[in-house]
Amino acid sequence: MENSLLIDLFILNFNKSALMTRLWIYFRISIFIFCFSTSFAWAQSDTTRIALDTAKKEATIQELQTLLESIKKQETQKSSSEVVLEIDGLLIDDTKTKSGRDFYDFFYRDWVAPPEASNYSIFIVEKPFRLNTTTIEISINEITVFQSFLQPRTDIVEELAKQSIGITQQYLIQYEELVRQLDGEERKGTGIF
């Protein structure tokens, strides 16, 4: 008798859980149908057609085209009147040792560009040599203007930096003078032979 009672209780509990699962599934399906059926109904309810006014459409297109043309004109005038920005006078460090870095620091600290100098970049390059010496090279626009051995003594490095500054400034002054002479009136010509 006890076994039959346990079996009846087990079947009743099993049916209860199956019933709860079914109710839960039905609830989810009804929520899903409600959500999608209402949005579908709302989308289908507004079927009125909107009449387009072609005169307003053409006027708007014309206004947009004139606006686009005026913006293009303004941009071309703006770009032609803007001053060209040039980055020149850069000091580029390519040193490898402490004495090379000291040389660059002394050079940078004391460097003053000539007032008429433009369109140049200065490269300070250190190359290893024998034992504890290196060579230091200063190039302006890929033209070597100064080259010397660099020793690890700070006072010699500072003196060498001052010498190289004088030579570099002199090169820039001569270069600008040469460019000015080549661009002078006597060299321009008319282009007619």
C-alpha atoms as a PDB file:
ATOM      1  CA  MET A   1       0.000   0.000   0.000  1.00  0.00           C
ATOM      2  CA  GLU A   2       2.785   2.353   0.839  1.00  0.00           C
ATOM      3  CA  ASN A   3       4.431   1.693  -2.517  1.00  0.00           C
ATOM      4  CA  SER A   4       1.275   2.532  -4.417  1.00  0.00           C
ATOM      5  CA  LEU A   5       0.917   5.754  -2.421  1.00  0.00           C
ATOM      6  CA  LEU A   6       4.485   6.761  -3.246  1.00  0.00           C
ATOM      7  CA  ILE A   7       3.915   6.024  -6.921  1.00  0.00           C
ATOM      8  CA  ASP A   8       0.712   8.091  -6.907  1.00  0.00           C
ATOM      9  CA  LEU A   9       2.547  11.025  -5.250  1.00  0.00           C
ATOM     10  CA  PHE A  10       5.404  10.755  -7.760  1.00  0.00           C
ATOM     11  CA  ILE A  11       2.985  10.803 -10.709  1.00  0.00           C
ATOM     12  CA  LEU A  12       1.136  13.755  -9.192  1.00  0.00           C
ATOM     13  CA  ASN A  13       4.426  15.701  -8.717  1.00  0.00           C
ATOM     14  CA  PHE A  14       5.562  14.785 -12.215  1.00  0.00           C
ATOM     15  CA  ASN A  15       2.268  16.001 -13.673  1.00  0.00           C
ATOM     16  CA  LYS A  16       2.530  19.183 -11.615  1.00  0.00           C
ATOM     17  CA  SER A  17       6.000  20.016 -12.968  1.00  0.00           C
ATOM     18  CA  ALA A  18       4.934  19.179 -16.517  1.00  0.00           C
ATOM     19  CA  LEU A  19       1.893  21.390 -16.067  1.00  0.00           C
ATOM     20  CA  MET A  20       4.049  24.275 -14.788  1.00  0.00           C
ATOM     21  CA  THR A  21       6.434  23.875 -17.727  1.00  0.00           C
ATOM     22  CA  ARG A  22       3.557  23.949 -20.179  1.00  0.00           C
ATOM     23  CA  LEU A  23       2.083  27.040 -18.537  1.00  0.00           C
ATOM     24  CA  TRP A  24       5.456  28.775 -18.692  1.00  0.00           C
ATOM     25  CA  ILE A  25       5.837  27.949 -22.414  1.00  0.00           C
ATOM     26  CA  TYR A  26       2.280  29.158 -23.160  1.00  0.00           C
ATOM     27  CA  PHE A  27       2.980  32.383 -21.278  1.00  0.00           C
ATOM     28  CA  ARG A  28       6.142  33.050 -23.301  1.00  0.00           C
ATOM     29  CA  ILE A  29       4.406  32.303 -26.585  1.00  0.00           C
ATOM     30  CA  SER A  30       1.525  34.632 -25.732  1.00  0.00           C
ATOM     31  CA  ILE A  31       3.945  37.464 -24.847  1.00  0.00           C
ATOM     32  CA  PHE A  32       5.806  36.897 -28.117  1.00  0.00           C
ATOM     33  CA  ILE A  33       2.601  36.936 -30.165  1.00  0.00           C
ATOM     34  CA  PHE A  34       1.354  40.042 -28.364  1.00  0.00           C
ATOM     35  CA  CYS A  35       4.577  41.964 -29.019  1.00  0.00           C
ATOM     36  CA  PHE A  36       4.841  41.144 -32.682  1.00  0.00           C
ATOM     37  CA  SER A  37       1.162  41.219 -33.525  1.00  0.00           C
ATOM     38  CA  THR A  38       0.698  44.723 -32.059  1.00  0.00           C
ATOM     39  CA  SER A  39       3.711  46.157 -33.856  1.00  0.00           C
ATOM     40  CA  PHE A  40       2.560  44.511 -37.062  1.00  0.00           C
ATOM     41  CA  ALA A  41      -0.910  45.948 -36.573  1.00  0.00           C
ATOM     42  CA  TRP A  42       0.477  49.422 -35.883  1.00  0.00           C
ATOM     43  CA  ALA A  43       2.603  49.260 -39.011  1.00  0.00           C
ATOM     44  CA  GLN A  44      -0.352  48.155 -41.128  1.00  0.00           C
ATOM     45  CA  SER A  45      -2.796  50.707 -39.734  1.00  0.00           C
ATOM     46  CA  ASP A  46      -1.183  53.776 -41.395  1.00  0.00           C
ATOM     47  CA  THR A  47      -1.537  53.241 -45.129  1.00  0.00           C
ATOM     48  CA  THR A  48      -2.157  56.816 -46.241  1.00  0.00           C
ATOM     49  CA  ARG A  49      -0.081  58.057 -49.136  1.00  0.00           C
ATOM     50  CA  ILE A  50       1.754  61.337 -48.963  1.00  0.00           C
ATOM     51  CA  ALA A  51       1.443  63.497 -52.022  1.00  0.00           C
ATOM     52  CA  LEU A  52       4.748  65.062 -53.077  1.00  0.00           C
ATOM     53  CA  ASP A  53       4.836  68.631 -54.247  1.00  0.00           C
ATOM     54  CA  THR A  54       7.232  68.503 -57.215  1.00  0.00           C
ATOM     55  CA  ALA A  55       7.545  72.289 -57.437  1.00  0.00           C
ATOM     56  CA  LYS A  56       8.913  72.494 -53.894  1.00  0.00           C
ATOM     57  CA  LYS A  57      11.193  69.544 -54.579  1.00  0.00           C
ATOM     58  CA  GLU A  58      12.728  71.205 -57.654  1.00  0.00           C
ATOM     59  CA  ALA A  59      13.122  74.524 -55.807  1.00  0.00           C
ATOM     60  CA  THR A  60      14.896  72.749 -52.972  1.00  0.00           C
ATOM     61  CA  ILE A  61      17.227  70.987 -55.398  1.00  0.00           C
ATOM     62  CA  GLN A  62      18.077  74.329 -57.042  1.00  0.00           C
ATOM     63  CA  GLU A  63      18.767  75.950 -53.660  1.00  0.00           C
ATOM     64  CA  LEU A  64      21.036  73.084 -52.644  1.00  0.00           C
ATOM     65  CA  GLN A  65      22.978  73.293 -55.913  1.00  0.00           C
ATOM     66  CA  THR A  66      23.535  77.055 -55.570  1.00  0.00           C
ATOM     67  CA  LEU A  67      24.580  76.573 -51.952  1.00  0.00           C
ATOM     68  CA  LEU A  68      27.051  73.870 -52.992  1.00  0.00           C
ATOM     69  CA  GLU A  69      28.541  76.111 -55.697  1.00  0.00           C
ATOM     70  CA  SER A  70      28.933  79.028 -53.280  1.00  0.00           C
ATOM     71  CA  ILE A  71      30.669  76.773 -50.752  1.00  0.00           C
ATOM     72  CA  LYS A  72      33.048  75.529 -53.453  1.00  0.00           C
ATOM     73  CA  LYS A  73      33.901  79.121 -54.436  1.00  0.00           C
ATOM     74  CA  GLN A  74      34.527  80.088 -50.818  1.00  0.00           C
ATOM     75  CA  GLU A  75      36.797  77.090 -50.264  1.00  0.00           C
ATOM     76  CA  THR A  76      38.866  77.799 -53.384  1.00  0.00           C
ATOM     77  CA  GLN A  77      39.254  81.456 -52.372  1.00  0.00           C
ATOM     78  CA  LYS A  78      40.169  80.441 -48.837  1.00  0.00           C
ATOM     79  CA  SER A  79      42.767  77.902 -49.967  1.00  0.00           C
ATOM     80  CA  SER A  80      44.365  80.343 -52.407  1.00  0.00           C
ATOM     81  CA  SER A  81      44.577  83.106 -49.806  1.00  0.00           C
ATOM     82  CA  GLU A  82      45.991  80.954 -47.003  1.00  0.00           C
ATOM     83  CA  VAL A  83      49.686  81.216 -46.293  1.00  0.00           C
ATOM     84  CA  VAL A  84      51.578  78.000 -46.910  1.00  0.00           C
ATOM     85  CA  LEU A  85      52.784  76.581 -43.612  1.00  0.00           C
ATOM     86  CA  GLU A  86      56.305  75.242 -43.824  1.00  0.00           C
ATOM     87  CA  ILE A  87      58.133  73.421 -41.111  1.00  0.00           C
ATOM     88  CA  ASP A  88      61.762  74.389 -41.314  1.00  0.00           C
ATOM     89  CA  GLY A  89      64.632  74.851 -38.938  1.00  0.00           C
ATOM     90  CA  LEU A  90      64.341  71.387 -37.407  1.00  0.00           C
ATOM     91  CA  LEU A  91      67.225  70.019 -35.350  1.00  0.00           C
ATOM     92  CA  ILE A  92      67.208  66.234 -35.618  1.00  0.00           C
ATOM     93  CA  ASP A  93      69.193  64.210 -33.096  1.00  0.00           C
ATOM     94  CA  ASP A  94      70.759  60.897 -34.143  1.00  0.00           C
ATOM     95  CA  THR A  95      73.397  60.511 -31.437  1.00  0.00           C
ATOM     96  CA  LYS A  96      74.278  57.262 -29.733  1.00  0.00           C
ATOM     97  CA  THR A  97      76.555  57.982 -26.763  1.00  0.00           C
ATOM     98  CA  LYS A  98      76.527  60.314 -23.789  1.00  0.00           C
ATOM     99  CA  SER A  99      79.144  62.592 -25.334  1.00  0.00           C
ATOM    100  CA  GLY A 100      77.076  62.701 -28.551  1.00  0.00           C
ATOM    101  CA  ARG A 101      73.990  63.632 -26.554  1.00  0.00           C
ATOM    102  CA  ASP A 102      75.995  66.306 -24.719  1.00  0.00           C
ATOM    103  CA  PHE A 103      77.137  67.691 -28.081  1.00  0.00           C
ATOM    104  CA  TYR A 104      73.522  67.839 -29.270  1.00  0.00           C
ATOM    105  CA  ASP A 105      72.428  69.536 -26.032  1.00  0.00           C
ATOM    106  CA  PHE A 106      75.185  72.183 -26.312  1.00  0.00           C
ATOM    107  CA  PHE A 107      74.370  72.727 -29.992  1.00  0.00           C
ATOM    108  CA  TYR A 108      70.640  73.040 -29.299  1.00  0.00           C
ATOM    109  CA  ARG A 109      71.194  75.364 -26.339  1.00  0.00           C
ATOM    110  CA  ASP A 110      73.385  77.828 -28.281  1.00  0.00           C
ATOM    111  CA  TRP A 111      71.805  77.540 -31.759  1.00  0.00           C
ATOM    112  CA  VAL A 112      70.315  80.714 -33.210  1.00  0.00           C
ATOM    113  CA  ALA A 113      69.287  80.541 -36.846  1.00  0.00           C
ATOM    114  CA  PRO A 114      70.190  83.410 -39.167  1.00  0.00           C
ATOM    115  CA  PRO A 115      67.130  85.634 -39.707  1.00  0.00           C
ATOM    116  CA  GLU A 116      66.895  85.089 -43.475  1.00  0.00           C
ATOM    117  CA  ALA A 117      67.401  81.288 -43.340  1.00  0.00           C
ATOM    118  CA  SER A 118      64.458  79.131 -44.394  1.00  0.00           C
ATOM    119  CA  ASN A 119      63.641  75.683 -45.760  1.00  0.00           C
ATOM    120  CA  TYR A 120      66.306  73.724 -43.931  1.00  0.00           C
ATOM    121  CA  SER A 121      66.652  70.859 -41.479  1.00  0.00           C
ATOM    122  CA  ILE A 122      69.794  70.158 -39.482  1.00  0.00           C
ATOM    123  CA  PHE A 123      70.764  66.538 -38.843  1.00  0.00           C
ATOM    124  CA  ILE A 124      73.277  65.779 -36.096  1.00  0.00           C
ATOM    125  CA  VAL A 125      74.524  62.217 -36.625  1.00  0.00           C
ATOM    126  CA  GLU A 126      77.015  60.364 -34.473  1.00  0.00           C
ATOM    127  CA  LYS A 127      78.918  57.396 -35.901  1.00  0.00           C
ATOM    128  CA  PRO A 128      81.160  55.074 -33.878  1.00  0.00           C
ATOM    129  CA  PHE A 129      84.885  55.127 -34.608  1.00  0.00           C
ATOM    130  CA  ARG A 130      87.789  53.529 -32.712  1.00  0.00           C
ATOM    131  CA  LEU A 131      87.716  52.645 -29.019  1.00  0.00           C
ATOM    132  CA  ASN A 132      85.980  55.473 -27.161  1.00  0.00           C
ATOM    133  CA  THR A 133      85.920  58.067 -29.945  1.00  0.00           C
ATOM    134  CA  THR A 134      83.110  58.729 -32.350  1.00  0.00           C
ATOM    135  CA  THR A 135      82.603  61.041 -35.299  1.00  0.00           C
ATOM    136  CA  ILE A 136      79.963  63.719 -35.276  1.00  0.00           C
ATOM    137  CA  GLU A 137      78.441  64.944 -38.531  1.00  0.00           C
ATOM    138  CA  ILE A 138      76.194  67.931 -39.127  1.00  0.00           C
ATOM    139  CA  SER A 139      74.200  67.906 -42.347  1.00  0.00           C
ATOM    140  CA  ILE A 140      71.851  70.541 -43.692  1.00  0.00           C
ATOM    141  CA  ASN A 141      69.319  69.176 -46.151  1.00  0.00           C
ATOM    142  CA  GLU A 142      71.506  66.088 -46.710  1.00  0.00           C
ATOM    143  CA  ILE A 143      74.683  68.135 -47.382  1.00  0.00           C
ATOM    144  CA  THR A 144      77.449  67.580 -44.826  1.00  0.00           C
ATOM    145  CA  VAL A 145      78.714  70.928 -43.537  1.00  0.00           C
ATOM    146  CA  PHE A 146      80.685  69.825 -40.463  1.00  0.00           C
ATOM    147  CA  GLN A 147      82.467  66.635 -39.443  1.00  0.00           C
ATOM    148  CA  SER A 148      84.819  66.010 -36.539  1.00  0.00           C
ATOM    149  CA  PHE A 149      85.995  63.451 -33.996  1.00  0.00           C
ATOM    150  CA  LEU A 150      84.187  63.598 -30.688  1.00  0.00           C
ATOM    151  CA  GLN A 151      86.006  62.905 -27.434  1.00  0.00           C
ATOM    152  CA  PRO A 152      84.321  62.061 -24.138  1.00  0.00           C
ATOM    153  CA  ARG A 153      85.593  65.214 -22.363  1.00  0.00           C
ATOM    154  CA  THR A 154      82.782  67.707 -21.732  1.00  0.00           C
ATOM    155  CA  ASP A 155      84.852  70.887 -22.183  1.00  0.00           C
ATOM    156  CA  ILE A 156      86.074  69.709 -25.599  1.00  0.00           C
ATOM    157  CA  VAL A 157      82.536  68.700 -26.601  1.00  0.00           C
ATOM    158  CA  GLU A 158      81.190  72.143 -25.669  1.00  0.00           C
ATOM    159  CA  GLU A 159      83.945  73.931 -27.611  1.00  0.00           C
ATOM    160  CA  LEU A 160      83.331  71.699 -30.627  1.00  0.00           C
ATOM    161  CA  ALA A 161      79.600  72.497 -30.478  1.00  0.00           C
ATOM    162  CA  LYS A 162      80.354  76.245 -30.542  1.00  0.00           C
ATOM    163  CA  GLN A 163      82.648  75.802 -33.563  1.00  0.00           C
ATOM    164  CA  SER A 164      80.049  73.769 -35.409  1.00  0.00           C
ATOM    165  CA  ILE A 165      77.368  76.395 -34.714  1.00  0.00           C
ATOM    166  CA  GLY A 166      79.526  79.090 -36.333  1.00  0.00           C
ATOM    167  CA  ILE A 167      80.209  76.942 -39.397  1.00  0.00           C
ATOM    168  CA  THR A 168      76.545  75.950 -39.735  1.00  0.00           C
ATOM    169  CA  GLN A 169      75.311  79.540 -39.449  1.00  0.00           C
ATOM    170  CA  GLN A 170      77.864  80.669 -42.047  1.00  0.00           C
ATOM    171  CA  TYR A 171      76.721  77.930 -44.439  1.00  0.00           C
ATOM    172  CA  LEU A 172      73.070  78.969 -44.087  1.00  0.00           C
ATOM    173  CA  ILE A 173      73.915  82.643 -44.701  1.00  0.00           C
ATOM    174  CA  GLN A 174      75.919  81.796 -47.830  1.00  0.00           C
ATOM    175  CA  TYR A 175      73.205  79.456 -49.070  1.00  0.00           C
ATOM    176  CA  GLU A 176      70.473  82.093 -48.706  1.00  0.00           C
ATOM    177  CA  GLU A 177      72.687  84.680 -50.436  1.00  0.00           C
ATOM    178  CA  LEU A 178      73.242  82.297 -53.334  1.00  0.00           C
ATOM    179  CA  VAL A 179      69.501  81.614 -53.637  1.00  0.00           C
ATOM    180  CA  ARG A 180      68.771  85.350 -53.560  1.00  0.00           C
ATOM    181  CA  GLN A 181      71.313  85.992 -56.333  1.00  0.00           C
ATOM    182  CA  LEU A 182      69.893  83.235 -58.520  1.00  0.00           C
ATOM    183  CA  ASP A 183      66.360  84.566 -58.086  1.00  0.00           C
ATOM    184  CA  GLY A 184      67.410  88.157 -58.900  1.00  0.00           C
ATOM    185  CA  GLU A 185      65.999  90.195 -61.817  1.00  0.00           C
ATOM    186  CA  GLU A 186      69.042  89.695 -64.027  1.00  0.00           C
ATOM    187  CA  ARG A 187      68.618  85.893 -63.885  1.00  0.00           C
ATOM    188  CA  LYS A 188      64.861  85.529 -64.271  1.00  0.00           C
ATOM    189  CA  GLY A 189      64.470  86.296 -67.963  1.00  0.00           C
ATOM    190  CA  THR A 190      61.275  86.435 -69.951  1.00  0.00           C
ATOM    191  CA  GLY A 191      61.323  82.925 -71.350  1.00  0.00           C
ATOM    192  CA  ILE A 192      61.223  84.260 -74.936  1.00  0.00           C
ATOM    193  CA  PHE A 193      64.145  83.288 -77.166  1.00  0.00           C
END
